N, C-alpha and C. Protein backbone atom coordinates (compact mmCIF):
# COMPACT_ATOMS: atom_id res chain seq x y z
N UNK A 1 0.84 -1.18 0.00
CA UNK A 1 0.00 0.00 0.00
C UNK A 1 0.89 1.25 0.00
N UNK A 2 0.63 2.15 -0.89
CA UNK A 2 1.46 3.34 -1.06
C UNK A 2 1.50 4.20 0.22
N UNK A 3 0.37 4.34 0.89
CA UNK A 3 0.32 5.15 2.10
C UNK A 3 1.30 4.64 3.15
N UNK A 4 1.34 3.36 3.33
CA UNK A 4 2.22 2.79 4.35
C UNK A 4 3.68 3.03 4.00
N UNK A 5 4.00 3.02 2.72
CA UNK A 5 5.38 3.28 2.32
C UNK A 5 5.74 4.74 2.54
N UNK A 6 4.79 5.64 2.31
CA UNK A 6 5.07 7.06 2.49
C UNK A 6 5.19 7.42 3.97
N UNK A 7 4.39 6.78 4.81
CA UNK A 7 4.43 7.08 6.22
C UNK A 7 3.77 8.40 6.58
N UNK A 8 3.04 9.00 5.64
CA UNK A 8 2.39 10.28 5.88
C UNK A 8 0.91 10.09 6.17
N UNK A 9 0.36 11.04 6.88
CA UNK A 9 -1.08 11.07 7.10
C UNK A 9 -1.74 11.58 5.83
N UNK A 10 -2.76 10.90 5.37
CA UNK A 10 -3.53 11.33 4.21
C UNK A 10 -4.83 11.95 4.72
N UNK A 11 -5.25 13.03 4.08
CA UNK A 11 -6.44 13.77 4.51
C UNK A 11 -7.30 14.08 3.29
N UNK A 12 -8.58 13.82 3.40
CA UNK A 12 -9.49 14.22 2.34
C UNK A 12 -10.88 14.44 2.93
N UNK A 13 -11.76 15.06 2.15
CA UNK A 13 -13.14 15.28 2.56
C UNK A 13 -14.05 14.49 1.65
N UNK A 14 -15.16 14.06 2.22
CA UNK A 14 -16.17 13.36 1.45
C UNK A 14 -17.54 13.82 1.89
N UNK A 15 -18.50 13.71 0.99
CA UNK A 15 -19.88 14.03 1.33
C UNK A 15 -20.69 12.76 1.27
N UNK A 16 -21.51 12.55 2.31
CA UNK A 16 -22.39 11.38 2.35
C UNK A 16 -23.77 11.85 2.78
N UNK A 17 -24.75 11.02 2.50
CA UNK A 17 -26.13 11.31 2.90
C UNK A 17 -26.42 10.59 4.22
N UNK A 18 -26.85 11.35 5.22
CA UNK A 18 -27.22 10.79 6.52
C UNK A 18 -28.62 11.28 6.84
N UNK A 19 -29.54 10.37 6.98
CA UNK A 19 -30.94 10.72 7.25
C UNK A 19 -31.48 11.73 6.25
N UNK A 20 -31.11 11.58 4.99
CA UNK A 20 -31.61 12.45 3.93
C UNK A 20 -30.93 13.79 3.83
N UNK A 21 -29.90 14.04 4.65
CA UNK A 21 -29.16 15.29 4.60
C UNK A 21 -27.72 15.02 4.18
N UNK A 22 -27.14 15.96 3.45
CA UNK A 22 -25.74 15.82 3.04
C UNK A 22 -24.85 16.22 4.21
N UNK A 23 -23.91 15.37 4.54
CA UNK A 23 -22.96 15.62 5.62
C UNK A 23 -21.55 15.60 5.03
N UNK A 24 -20.75 16.59 5.39
CA UNK A 24 -19.36 16.63 4.94
C UNK A 24 -18.49 16.04 6.04
N UNK A 25 -17.64 15.10 5.66
CA UNK A 25 -16.75 14.46 6.62
C UNK A 25 -15.30 14.67 6.22
N UNK A 26 -14.47 14.83 7.22
CA UNK A 26 -13.02 14.87 7.03
C UNK A 26 -12.50 13.48 7.39
N UNK A 27 -11.71 12.90 6.51
CA UNK A 27 -11.18 11.56 6.73
C UNK A 27 -9.65 11.65 6.79
N UNK A 28 -9.08 11.12 7.86
CA UNK A 28 -7.62 11.03 8.00
C UNK A 28 -7.25 9.56 8.02
N UNK A 29 -6.25 9.24 7.22
CA UNK A 29 -5.73 7.88 7.19
C UNK A 29 -4.31 7.94 7.73
N UNK A 30 -4.11 7.28 8.87
CA UNK A 30 -2.84 7.36 9.59
C UNK A 30 -2.17 5.99 9.63
N UNK A 31 -0.92 5.89 9.17
CA UNK A 31 -0.21 4.61 9.30
C UNK A 31 -0.11 4.21 10.77
N UNK A 32 -0.43 2.95 11.07
CA UNK A 32 -0.41 2.48 12.45
C UNK A 32 0.72 1.48 12.67
N UNK A 33 0.76 0.49 11.83
CA UNK A 33 1.87 -0.47 11.85
C UNK A 33 2.33 -0.63 10.40
N UNK A 34 3.21 -1.58 10.19
CA UNK A 34 3.74 -1.79 8.84
C UNK A 34 2.65 -2.13 7.82
N UNK A 35 1.60 -2.81 8.27
CA UNK A 35 0.56 -3.21 7.32
C UNK A 35 -0.86 -2.81 7.76
N UNK A 36 -0.97 -1.85 8.66
CA UNK A 36 -2.29 -1.41 9.14
C UNK A 36 -2.35 0.12 9.20
N UNK A 37 -3.57 0.62 9.04
CA UNK A 37 -3.81 2.06 9.16
C UNK A 37 -4.95 2.30 10.12
N UNK A 38 -5.05 3.52 10.61
CA UNK A 38 -6.18 3.96 11.43
C UNK A 38 -6.94 5.01 10.63
N UNK A 39 -8.24 4.86 10.55
CA UNK A 39 -9.09 5.84 9.89
C UNK A 39 -9.77 6.69 10.94
N UNK A 40 -9.65 8.00 10.82
CA UNK A 40 -10.34 8.93 11.71
C UNK A 40 -11.31 9.72 10.85
N UNK A 41 -12.57 9.69 11.22
CA UNK A 41 -13.60 10.37 10.44
C UNK A 41 -14.35 11.30 11.37
N UNK A 42 -14.50 12.57 10.94
CA UNK A 42 -15.28 13.50 11.76
C UNK A 42 -16.18 14.35 10.88
N UNK A 43 -17.29 14.73 11.45
CA UNK A 43 -18.27 15.56 10.76
C UNK A 43 -17.79 17.01 10.77
N UNK A 44 -17.56 17.58 9.59
CA UNK A 44 -17.12 18.97 9.49
C UNK A 44 -18.17 19.81 8.75
N UNK A 45 -19.42 19.35 8.77
CA UNK A 45 -20.49 20.03 8.05
C UNK A 45 -20.66 21.48 8.51
N UNK A 46 -20.62 21.73 9.82
CA UNK A 46 -20.78 23.10 10.33
C UNK A 46 -19.65 23.99 9.85
N UNK A 47 -18.42 23.49 9.90
CA UNK A 47 -17.29 24.27 9.42
C UNK A 47 -17.42 24.57 7.93
N UNK A 48 -17.81 23.57 7.17
CA UNK A 48 -17.96 23.74 5.73
C UNK A 48 -19.05 24.77 5.43
N UNK A 49 -20.14 24.72 6.17
CA UNK A 49 -21.23 25.68 5.99
C UNK A 49 -20.75 27.10 6.30
N UNK A 50 -19.95 27.25 7.35
CA UNK A 50 -19.39 28.57 7.71
C UNK A 50 -18.45 29.08 6.62
N UNK A 51 -17.64 28.19 6.06
CA UNK A 51 -16.72 28.58 4.98
C UNK A 51 -17.50 29.07 3.76
N UNK A 52 -18.59 28.36 3.42
CA UNK A 52 -19.40 28.76 2.27
C UNK A 52 -20.09 30.11 2.53
N UNK A 53 -20.57 30.32 3.75
CA UNK A 53 -21.21 31.59 4.10
C UNK A 53 -20.20 32.74 4.02
N UNK A 54 -19.00 32.53 4.51
CA UNK A 54 -17.96 33.55 4.45
C UNK A 54 -17.59 33.85 3.00
N UNK A 55 -17.45 32.82 2.19
CA UNK A 55 -17.12 33.01 0.78
C UNK A 55 -18.21 33.82 0.08
N UNK A 56 -19.45 33.53 0.38
CA UNK A 56 -20.57 34.27 -0.21
C UNK A 56 -20.53 35.73 0.22
N UNK A 57 -20.24 35.97 1.49
CA UNK A 57 -20.14 37.33 2.01
C UNK A 57 -19.00 38.09 1.33
N UNK A 58 -17.86 37.43 1.19
CA UNK A 58 -16.72 38.06 0.53
C UNK A 58 -17.03 38.40 -0.93
N UNK A 59 -17.67 37.47 -1.63
CA UNK A 59 -18.02 37.72 -3.03
C UNK A 59 -19.02 38.86 -3.15
N UNK A 60 -19.99 38.91 -2.25
CA UNK A 60 -20.97 39.99 -2.27
C UNK A 60 -20.34 41.34 -1.98
N UNK A 61 -19.45 41.37 -1.00
CA UNK A 61 -18.76 42.61 -0.65
C UNK A 61 -17.86 43.07 -1.79
N UNK A 62 -17.17 42.13 -2.40
CA UNK A 62 -16.28 42.46 -3.53
C UNK A 62 -17.08 43.03 -4.69
N UNK A 63 -18.27 42.47 -4.95
CA UNK A 63 -19.06 42.96 -6.07
C UNK A 63 -19.54 44.39 -5.84
N UNK A 64 -19.69 44.79 -4.58
CA UNK A 64 -20.16 46.15 -4.26
C UNK A 64 -18.98 47.12 -4.13
N UNK A 65 -17.91 46.70 -3.47
CA UNK A 65 -16.81 47.62 -3.16
C UNK A 65 -15.63 47.49 -4.12
N UNK A 66 -15.53 46.38 -4.80
CA UNK A 66 -14.38 46.14 -5.66
C UNK A 66 -13.29 45.40 -4.91
N UNK A 67 -12.39 44.78 -5.64
CA UNK A 67 -11.31 43.98 -5.06
C UNK A 67 -10.38 44.79 -4.17
N UNK A 68 -10.20 46.07 -4.45
CA UNK A 68 -9.26 46.89 -3.68
C UNK A 68 -9.62 46.98 -2.21
N UNK A 69 -10.89 46.82 -1.87
CA UNK A 69 -11.32 46.91 -0.48
C UNK A 69 -10.53 45.96 0.41
N UNK A 70 -10.37 44.71 -0.04
CA UNK A 70 -9.70 43.70 0.79
C UNK A 70 -8.19 43.93 0.88
N UNK A 71 -7.60 44.43 -0.16
CA UNK A 71 -6.16 44.68 -0.08
C UNK A 71 -5.87 45.86 0.84
N UNK A 72 -6.80 46.78 0.98
CA UNK A 72 -6.59 47.93 1.88
C UNK A 72 -6.72 47.55 3.35
N UNK A 73 -7.53 46.56 3.68
CA UNK A 73 -7.73 46.22 5.08
C UNK A 73 -6.77 45.15 5.57
N UNK A 74 -5.99 44.56 4.70
CA UNK A 74 -5.08 43.50 5.16
C UNK A 74 -3.72 44.03 5.49
């Protein structure tokens, strides 16, 4: 298995349906022994929703004020 040879933690997100709702999960695959891994899965739906809301806010603000607004405040 390539992951075990690399020895690195792999991270990805997936969306699944739970009780008819889409849930975003973060999955970490961690090498445990030479031939075993540990999977850690957590629900990150709230964080993902916050990221999308912030992105929408930024896009709306940019459309009204222009891109220069953000470069001036940073």
